[in-house]
Amino acid sequence: LTGGFTDSPNGTVIVLTLSEDDSNGVRQDALLAISQNTTLVQISSLFIRDAAGNDVTAVSSQRASGFVPDTTVPELVDFEFDMSTGQFNFTFSETIDASTFTPSALWVQSQAGTPASVVAHRVANGTWDAATDSTLLVFRLSYTDLNSLKLLTAVATELNNTFIRFTAGLISDMAANSVKEVASVNAQRARDFEPDRVQPSL
C-alpha cells in the first residue's frame, strides 16, 4: 500500500481507509480480495506503534477474520471524444472489467432529452483492449459507426452537441457490479471534444 488514512482514536481497533489508488490497485487483481480466503495482510514492524512507542510485531500473512464484498455500483465520471479518430476515453469511478464492455449499449446523441426529442446514433461495434482493467477505457468506433455518425450533422460536431447515454449493460466492475445507467434525459456531455479534421480523399 502507498497511502490511506484513519480517524480511529488510540485503542486496540484501528480502521484504515485505503487511498483511491490503492483501492483500485487491489481491484485490478481479479484473484485478490474477492472472498475471505483471498484477503490476507502482511505488515512490517514499522506499520504502527503502541502508546509506549513499541513497534508492532511483524506479520508475514494473516487472513481476514471477516469479509464484505464490493457492492458499490461503478459510475462514468467523464469522457472525451475525438471525431477524427472516433476514439472515446471513458473514465470510471473505479476499476472496471474491460472484457465486459458492450458497445451496443451506448448511444451518441445531440443533447439530453427524451429519445424522441434528440438525434442519436446507437453504436454497433468498435475496438478496445479487453485485457486491460483500469478506471480508464479507450474505445474506438468501427469505420461504419464513425461514418454513420458523421452523417448526422446535429451530433458530435462540437462540444455542446456531443452527449452519450447507455444502459447498465455497458460495462461491469471487477466484482460484476453493472455500471450506473445514464438515461437519455440525463445524457452526459463530453468533457473534451476534438472535431473531425480529416480531409476526404478518393
Protein backbone atom coordinates (compact mmCIF):
# COMPACT_ATOMS: atom_id res chain seq x y z
CA LEU A 1 0.00 0.00 0.00
CA THR A 2 1.09 3.55 -0.68
CA GLY A 3 -1.47 5.64 1.20
CA GLY A 4 -4.66 5.83 3.21
CA PHE A 5 -5.97 7.38 6.41
CA THR A 6 -7.60 6.57 9.73
CA ASP A 7 -9.85 8.58 12.04
CA SER A 8 -9.66 5.98 14.78
CA PRO A 9 -8.77 7.06 18.31
CA ASN A 10 -5.98 5.31 20.21
CA GLY A 11 -7.09 1.80 21.08
CA THR A 12 -6.96 -1.85 20.07
CA VAL A 13 -9.05 -1.41 16.90
CA ILE A 14 -7.84 0.76 14.01
CA VAL A 15 -9.97 1.35 10.91
CA LEU A 16 -7.81 2.07 7.85
CA THR A 17 -9.33 3.52 4.69
CA LEU A 18 -7.29 2.83 1.57
CA SER A 19 -6.36 5.60 -0.83
CA GLU A 20 -8.24 5.65 -4.13
CA ASP A 21 -5.12 4.50 -6.00
CA ASP A 22 -4.58 1.57 -3.63
CA SER A 23 -8.24 0.62 -3.68
CA ASN A 24 -8.28 0.49 -7.47
CA GLY A 25 -4.94 -1.32 -7.47
CA VAL A 26 -6.45 -4.09 -5.34
CA ARG A 27 -9.49 -4.28 -7.62
CA GLN A 28 -7.29 -4.73 -10.70
CA ASP A 29 -6.23 -8.16 -9.46
CA ALA A 30 -9.18 -10.43 -10.22
CA LEU A 31 -7.98 -13.01 -7.67
CA LEU A 32 -7.31 -10.65 -4.77
CA ALA A 33 -9.78 -9.69 -2.01
CA ILE A 34 -12.79 -11.37 -3.60
CA SER A 35 -13.53 -13.55 -0.56
CA GLN A 36 -12.34 -14.09 2.98
CA ASN A 37 -9.89 -16.73 1.78
CA THR A 38 -8.30 -14.37 -0.74
CA THR A 39 -7.96 -11.45 1.68
CA LEU A 40 -4.73 -11.61 3.68
CA VAL A 41 -2.40 -8.95 5.02
CA GLN A 42 1.31 -8.73 5.64
CA ILE A 43 2.73 -5.99 7.89
CA SER A 44 6.21 -4.96 8.93
CA SER A 45 7.18 -3.78 12.40
CA LEU A 46 7.04 -0.21 11.07
CA PHE A 47 3.29 -0.41 10.46
CA ILE A 48 2.25 1.04 13.83
CA ARG A 49 3.45 1.55 17.43
CA ASP A 50 1.73 1.19 20.77
CA ALA A 51 1.22 4.03 23.25
CA ALA A 52 4.65 3.35 24.78
CA GLY A 53 6.40 3.64 21.41
CA ASN A 54 6.95 -0.10 20.85
CA ASP A 55 6.80 -1.34 17.25
CA VAL A 56 4.09 -3.83 16.34
CA THR A 57 5.14 -7.45 15.82
CA ALA A 58 5.58 -8.13 12.11
CA VAL A 59 3.04 -10.44 10.45
CA SER A 60 4.02 -12.45 7.39
CA SER A 61 0.47 -13.49 6.44
CA GLN A 62 -2.86 -13.27 8.22
CA ARG A 63 -6.28 -13.97 6.73
CA ALA A 64 -9.15 -11.57 7.32
CA SER A 65 -11.50 -12.55 10.16
CA GLY A 66 -14.42 -11.17 8.19
CA PHE A 67 -15.13 -10.05 4.64
CA VAL A 68 -17.71 -7.77 2.98
CA PRO A 69 -17.77 -7.99 -0.84
CA ASP A 70 -17.75 -4.99 -3.16
CA THR A 71 -21.33 -3.96 -3.95
CA THR A 72 -20.59 -0.36 -4.99
CA VAL A 73 -22.06 0.48 -8.40
CA PRO A 74 -19.42 1.99 -10.72
CA GLU A 75 -20.23 5.26 -12.47
CA LEU A 76 -18.96 7.12 -15.51
CA VAL A 77 -17.00 10.14 -14.28
CA ASP A 78 -16.46 11.79 -17.66
CA PHE A 79 -15.47 11.10 -21.25
CA GLU A 80 -13.56 12.64 -24.14
CA PHE A 81 -14.32 12.13 -27.82
CA ASP A 82 -12.22 12.69 -30.94
CA MET A 83 -14.35 12.82 -34.11
CA SER A 84 -11.29 12.47 -36.36
CA THR A 85 -10.41 9.05 -35.00
CA GLY A 86 -13.71 8.02 -33.45
CA GLN A 87 -11.94 7.48 -30.13
CA PHE A 88 -13.64 7.71 -26.74
CA ASN A 89 -11.69 7.97 -23.49
CA PHE A 90 -14.04 6.87 -20.71
CA THR A 91 -13.10 7.48 -17.06
CA PHE A 92 -14.96 5.48 -14.42
CA SER A 93 -15.23 5.86 -10.66
CA GLU A 94 -13.42 2.56 -10.04
CA THR A 95 -11.55 -0.19 -11.86
CA ILE A 96 -13.78 -1.81 -14.46
CA ASP A 97 -13.61 -5.20 -16.18
CA ALA A 98 -12.77 -4.27 -19.77
CA SER A 99 -13.82 -7.69 -21.07
CA THR A 100 -17.45 -6.89 -20.17
CA PHE A 101 -17.65 -3.76 -22.34
CA THR A 102 -20.64 -3.92 -24.73
CA PRO A 103 -20.60 -1.22 -27.45
CA SER A 104 -24.24 -1.77 -28.45
CA ALA A 105 -25.35 -0.47 -25.03
CA LEU A 106 -24.05 3.00 -25.99
CA TRP A 107 -25.70 5.87 -27.89
CA VAL A 108 -24.14 9.15 -29.06
CA GLN A 109 -26.71 11.94 -29.16
CA SER A 110 -27.22 15.65 -29.71
CA GLN A 111 -28.38 16.67 -26.23
CA ALA A 112 -30.05 15.49 -23.05
CA GLY A 113 -33.75 14.83 -23.62
CA THR A 114 -36.30 12.13 -24.33
CA PRO A 115 -35.28 9.66 -27.06
CA ALA A 116 -37.92 11.15 -29.36
CA SER A 117 -36.54 14.69 -28.96
CA VAL A 118 -32.87 14.03 -29.75
CA VAL A 119 -30.80 12.97 -32.74
CA ALA A 120 -28.88 9.85 -31.81
CA HIS A 121 -26.72 7.05 -33.16
CA ARG A 122 -26.63 3.67 -31.47
CA VAL A 123 -23.12 2.25 -31.56
CA ALA A 124 -22.72 -1.21 -33.05
CA ASN A 125 -19.05 -2.08 -32.82
CA GLY A 126 -15.50 -0.92 -32.35
CA THR A 127 -12.18 -1.87 -30.80
CA TRP A 128 -10.75 -1.72 -27.27
CA ASP A 129 -8.23 -3.53 -25.11
CA ALA A 130 -10.37 -6.14 -23.37
CA ALA A 131 -7.41 -7.40 -21.33
CA THR A 132 -6.54 -4.15 -19.51
CA ASP A 133 -8.67 -3.43 -16.44
CA SER A 134 -8.45 0.14 -15.18
CA THR A 135 -10.51 3.23 -14.39
CA LEU A 136 -9.80 4.34 -17.98
CA LEU A 137 -11.21 2.58 -21.04
CA VAL A 138 -10.20 3.67 -24.54
CA PHE A 139 -12.73 2.72 -27.22
CA ARG A 140 -12.55 3.42 -30.95
CA LEU A 141 -15.66 3.32 -33.12
CA SER A 142 -15.72 1.00 -36.11
CA TYR A 143 -15.32 2.56 -39.56
CA THR A 144 -19.04 2.01 -40.22
CA ASP A 145 -20.12 3.57 -36.92
CA LEU A 146 -17.88 6.58 -37.38
CA ASN A 147 -19.17 7.33 -40.85
CA SER A 148 -22.78 6.79 -39.79
CA LEU A 149 -22.21 9.31 -37.01
CA LYS A 150 -20.70 11.81 -39.46
CA LEU A 151 -23.93 11.68 -41.50
CA LEU A 152 -25.79 13.16 -38.50
CA THR A 153 -24.87 16.81 -38.78
CA ALA A 154 -26.57 17.67 -35.49
CA VAL A 155 -24.44 15.26 -33.44
CA ALA A 156 -20.77 15.39 -32.43
CA THR A 157 -19.82 18.45 -34.44
CA GLU A 158 -18.95 20.49 -31.34
CA LEU A 159 -18.73 20.06 -27.58
CA ASN A 160 -22.29 21.24 -26.98
CA ASN A 161 -23.89 18.53 -29.13
CA THR A 162 -21.72 15.62 -28.02
CA PHE A 163 -23.62 13.61 -25.42
CA ILE A 164 -23.88 9.92 -24.60
CA ARG A 165 -26.37 7.66 -22.90
CA PHE A 166 -26.05 3.99 -22.06
CA THR A 167 -27.73 1.12 -20.27
CA ALA A 168 -26.36 -0.73 -17.26
CA GLY A 169 -25.20 -3.40 -19.70
CA LEU A 170 -22.39 -1.18 -20.97
CA ILE A 171 -19.76 -2.49 -18.56
CA SER A 172 -19.24 -4.01 -15.10
CA ASP A 173 -16.63 -3.63 -12.40
CA MET A 174 -14.30 -6.39 -11.21
CA ALA A 175 -16.97 -7.64 -8.78
CA ALA A 176 -19.57 -7.93 -11.57
CA ASN A 177 -21.48 -4.81 -10.45
CA SER A 178 -23.08 -3.21 -13.51
CA VAL A 179 -22.35 0.44 -14.24
CA LYS A 180 -24.95 3.03 -13.28
CA GLU A 181 -27.18 3.67 -16.28
CA VAL A 182 -27.27 7.11 -17.89
CA ALA A 183 -30.73 7.70 -19.35
CA SER A 184 -31.42 9.85 -22.40
CA VAL A 185 -32.95 12.66 -20.35
CA ASN A 186 -29.77 12.76 -18.25
CA ALA A 187 -27.34 12.20 -21.13
CA GLN A 188 -23.79 13.18 -20.24
CA ARG A 189 -21.91 15.78 -22.24
CA ALA A 190 -18.29 15.23 -23.24
CA ARG A 191 -15.68 16.83 -21.03
CA ASP A 192 -13.49 17.41 -24.07
CA PHE A 193 -14.16 17.19 -27.81
CA GLU A 194 -11.99 17.23 -30.92
CA PRO A 195 -13.81 17.88 -34.22
CA ASP A 196 -13.30 15.97 -37.45
CA ARG A 197 -10.15 17.37 -39.07
CA VAL A 198 -9.56 14.54 -41.57
CA GLN A 199 -9.63 15.70 -45.18
CA PRO A 200 -11.59 13.41 -47.51
CA SER A 201 -9.72 11.71 -50.35
CA LEU A 202 -10.53 9.47 -53.28
